[in-house]
Amino acid sequence: MADQADRQHMHECEARQWLRLGYSSEAMVDELREKVAAKRGAAAAERLIEEMRRQWKRRSEWLGRDHV
């Protein structure tokens, strides 16, 4: 089983991928929330969206250029 740091890294990568795919508007995030909740439950969907918010604030770091 992956340790906590590995799980966190995977969670961050997933959040970044959804953002790269354009899930940044309220409507798209609501759509994603429904998709994830249907497969993994509401708590998992909320954790993902919270991580997406954290990653959005840090996007200039992981995009490699200034996107703020």
N, C-alpha and C. Protein backbone atom coordinates (compact mmCIF):
# COMPACT_ATOMS: atom_id res chain seq x y z
N MET A 1 0.85 -1.19 0.00
CA MET A 1 0.00 0.00 0.00
C MET A 1 0.89 1.25 0.00
N ALA A 2 0.48 2.23 -0.74
CA ALA A 2 1.25 3.47 -0.84
C ALA A 2 1.25 4.20 0.49
N ASP A 3 2.37 4.83 0.78
CA ASP A 3 2.41 5.60 2.01
C ASP A 3 1.70 6.94 1.82
N GLN A 4 1.60 7.69 2.89
CA GLN A 4 0.84 8.95 2.88
C GLN A 4 1.37 9.94 1.85
N ALA A 5 2.68 10.05 1.73
CA ALA A 5 3.26 11.01 0.78
C ALA A 5 2.92 10.61 -0.65
N ASP A 6 2.96 9.32 -0.95
CA ASP A 6 2.60 8.85 -2.29
C ASP A 6 1.13 9.11 -2.59
N ARG A 7 0.27 8.85 -1.62
CA ARG A 7 -1.17 9.10 -1.82
C ARG A 7 -1.44 10.58 -2.05
N GLN A 8 -0.75 11.44 -1.28
CA GLN A 8 -0.93 12.88 -1.45
C GLN A 8 -0.46 13.32 -2.84
N HIS A 9 0.66 12.78 -3.28
CA HIS A 9 1.18 13.13 -4.60
C HIS A 9 0.19 12.70 -5.69
N MET A 10 -0.36 11.51 -5.57
CA MET A 10 -1.34 11.03 -6.55
C MET A 10 -2.59 11.92 -6.54
N HIS A 11 -3.00 12.34 -5.37
CA HIS A 11 -4.17 13.22 -5.23
C HIS A 11 -3.91 14.56 -5.91
N GLU A 12 -2.72 15.12 -5.70
CA GLU A 12 -2.34 16.38 -6.34
C GLU A 12 -2.31 16.23 -7.86
N CYS A 13 -1.74 15.14 -8.34
CA CYS A 13 -1.67 14.91 -9.79
C CYS A 13 -3.05 14.79 -10.41
N GLU A 14 -3.95 14.09 -9.73
CA GLU A 14 -5.31 13.96 -10.24
C GLU A 14 -5.98 15.33 -10.31
N ALA A 15 -5.84 16.12 -9.27
CA ALA A 15 -6.45 17.45 -9.24
C ALA A 15 -5.91 18.31 -10.38
N ARG A 16 -4.61 18.26 -10.59
CA ARG A 16 -4.00 19.04 -11.67
C ARG A 16 -4.51 18.59 -13.03
N GLN A 17 -4.67 17.28 -13.21
CA GLN A 17 -5.15 16.76 -14.49
C GLN A 17 -6.56 17.27 -14.79
N TRP A 18 -7.43 17.24 -13.81
CA TRP A 18 -8.79 17.74 -14.05
C TRP A 18 -8.75 19.22 -14.41
N LEU A 19 -7.88 19.98 -13.76
CA LEU A 19 -7.75 21.40 -14.09
C LEU A 19 -7.23 21.58 -15.51
N ARG A 20 -6.26 20.79 -15.90
CA ARG A 20 -5.73 20.86 -17.27
C ARG A 20 -6.82 20.54 -18.30
N LEU A 21 -7.75 19.67 -17.92
CA LEU A 21 -8.83 19.28 -18.83
C LEU A 21 -9.95 20.33 -18.88
N GLY A 22 -9.80 21.41 -18.13
CA GLY A 22 -10.76 22.50 -18.22
C GLY A 22 -11.82 22.53 -17.14
N TYR A 23 -11.67 21.72 -16.12
CA TYR A 23 -12.65 21.70 -15.03
C TYR A 23 -12.32 22.81 -14.03
N SER A 24 -12.57 24.04 -14.46
CA SER A 24 -12.26 25.18 -13.60
C SER A 24 -13.45 26.12 -13.41
N SER A 25 -14.47 25.98 -14.23
CA SER A 25 -15.66 26.82 -14.05
C SER A 25 -16.60 26.16 -13.05
N GLU A 26 -17.48 26.92 -12.49
CA GLU A 26 -18.43 26.39 -11.51
C GLU A 26 -19.26 25.24 -12.09
N ALA A 27 -19.73 25.41 -13.32
CA ALA A 27 -20.55 24.37 -13.95
C ALA A 27 -19.75 23.09 -14.18
N MET A 28 -18.51 23.23 -14.64
CA MET A 28 -17.67 22.05 -14.88
C MET A 28 -17.31 21.35 -13.57
N VAL A 29 -17.04 22.11 -12.54
CA VAL A 29 -16.72 21.52 -11.24
C VAL A 29 -17.93 20.79 -10.68
N ASP A 30 -19.11 21.35 -10.85
CA ASP A 30 -20.33 20.67 -10.41
C ASP A 30 -20.52 19.35 -11.15
N GLU A 31 -20.23 19.36 -12.44
CA GLU A 31 -20.31 18.14 -13.25
C GLU A 31 -19.31 17.10 -12.74
N LEU A 32 -18.10 17.54 -12.48
CA LEU A 32 -17.07 16.64 -11.97
C LEU A 32 -17.47 16.09 -10.61
N ARG A 33 -18.01 16.93 -9.75
CA ARG A 33 -18.45 16.50 -8.41
C ARG A 33 -19.44 15.35 -8.53
N GLU A 34 -20.38 15.48 -9.45
CA GLU A 34 -21.38 14.43 -9.65
C GLU A 34 -20.73 13.14 -10.16
N LYS A 35 -19.81 13.26 -11.12
CA LYS A 35 -19.12 12.08 -11.67
C LYS A 35 -18.35 11.34 -10.59
N VAL A 36 -17.56 12.08 -9.84
CA VAL A 36 -16.72 11.45 -8.82
C VAL A 36 -17.57 10.89 -7.69
N ALA A 37 -18.58 11.62 -7.28
CA ALA A 37 -19.45 11.15 -6.20
C ALA A 37 -20.15 9.85 -6.58
N ALA A 38 -20.54 9.72 -7.83
CA ALA A 38 -21.22 8.51 -8.27
C ALA A 38 -20.30 7.29 -8.19
N LYS A 39 -19.01 7.49 -8.41
CA LYS A 39 -18.07 6.37 -8.40
C LYS A 39 -17.39 6.15 -7.05
N ARG A 40 -17.06 7.26 -6.36
CA ARG A 40 -16.25 7.14 -5.14
C ARG A 40 -16.92 7.68 -3.89
N GLY A 41 -18.07 8.31 -4.04
CA GLY A 41 -18.77 8.87 -2.89
C GLY A 41 -18.56 10.38 -2.77
N ALA A 42 -19.47 11.00 -2.04
CA ALA A 42 -19.48 12.46 -1.89
C ALA A 42 -18.23 12.99 -1.18
N ALA A 43 -17.76 12.27 -0.17
CA ALA A 43 -16.59 12.74 0.58
C ALA A 43 -15.36 12.78 -0.33
N ALA A 44 -15.19 11.78 -1.16
CA ALA A 44 -14.05 11.75 -2.08
C ALA A 44 -14.15 12.88 -3.09
N ALA A 45 -15.35 13.16 -3.56
CA ALA A 45 -15.54 14.25 -4.52
C ALA A 45 -15.17 15.58 -3.88
N GLU A 46 -15.58 15.79 -2.65
CA GLU A 46 -15.26 17.05 -1.98
C GLU A 46 -13.76 17.17 -1.71
N ARG A 47 -13.10 16.06 -1.36
CA ARG A 47 -11.64 16.10 -1.16
C ARG A 47 -10.93 16.47 -2.46
N LEU A 48 -11.39 15.90 -3.57
CA LEU A 48 -10.79 16.21 -4.87
C LEU A 48 -10.96 17.69 -5.21
N ILE A 49 -12.13 18.21 -5.01
CA ILE A 49 -12.40 19.61 -5.35
C ILE A 49 -11.60 20.55 -4.45
N GLU A 50 -11.45 20.20 -3.19
CA GLU A 50 -10.62 21.01 -2.30
C GLU A 50 -9.17 21.00 -2.77
N GLU A 51 -8.70 19.84 -3.20
CA GLU A 51 -7.33 19.77 -3.71
C GLU A 51 -7.20 20.56 -5.00
N MET A 52 -8.21 20.53 -5.84
CA MET A 52 -8.19 21.32 -7.07
C MET A 52 -8.07 22.81 -6.73
N ARG A 53 -8.76 23.25 -5.70
CA ARG A 53 -8.66 24.65 -5.27
C ARG A 53 -7.24 24.98 -4.82
N ARG A 54 -6.63 24.07 -4.05
CA ARG A 54 -5.25 24.30 -3.61
C ARG A 54 -4.30 24.34 -4.80
N GLN A 55 -4.50 23.43 -5.74
CA GLN A 55 -3.62 23.38 -6.91
C GLN A 55 -3.83 24.59 -7.82
N TRP A 56 -5.04 25.09 -7.90
CA TRP A 56 -5.31 26.28 -8.71
C TRP A 56 -4.48 27.46 -8.20
N LYS A 57 -4.37 27.58 -6.89
CA LYS A 57 -3.59 28.67 -6.31
C LYS A 57 -2.09 28.51 -6.59
N ARG A 58 -1.64 27.26 -6.83
CA ARG A 58 -0.23 26.98 -7.05
C ARG A 58 0.08 26.72 -8.52
N ARG A 59 -0.84 26.98 -9.42
CA ARG A 59 -0.69 26.55 -10.81
C ARG A 59 0.55 27.09 -11.51
N SER A 60 1.02 28.27 -11.14
CA SER A 60 2.22 28.79 -11.79
C SER A 60 3.43 27.89 -11.49
N GLU A 61 3.43 27.24 -10.34
CA GLU A 61 4.51 26.32 -9.98
C GLU A 61 4.51 25.08 -10.88
N TRP A 62 3.36 24.43 -11.02
CA TRP A 62 3.33 23.17 -11.75
C TRP A 62 3.14 23.34 -13.25
N LEU A 63 2.74 24.52 -13.70
CA LEU A 63 2.66 24.76 -15.13
C LEU A 63 4.02 25.21 -15.68
N GLY A 64 4.89 25.63 -14.80
CA GLY A 64 6.23 25.99 -15.23
C GLY A 64 6.35 27.40 -15.80
N ARG A 65 5.31 28.16 -15.72
CA ARG A 65 5.35 29.56 -16.18
C ARG A 65 4.28 30.34 -15.43
N ASP A 66 4.32 31.62 -15.56
CA ASP A 66 3.40 32.47 -14.81
C ASP A 66 2.01 32.48 -15.45
N HIS A 67 1.05 31.90 -14.75
CA HIS A 67 -0.35 31.87 -15.20
C HIS A 67 -1.28 32.51 -14.20
N VAL A 68 -0.76 33.28 -13.28
CA VAL A 68 -1.57 33.88 -12.24
C VAL A 68 -2.34 35.06 -12.76
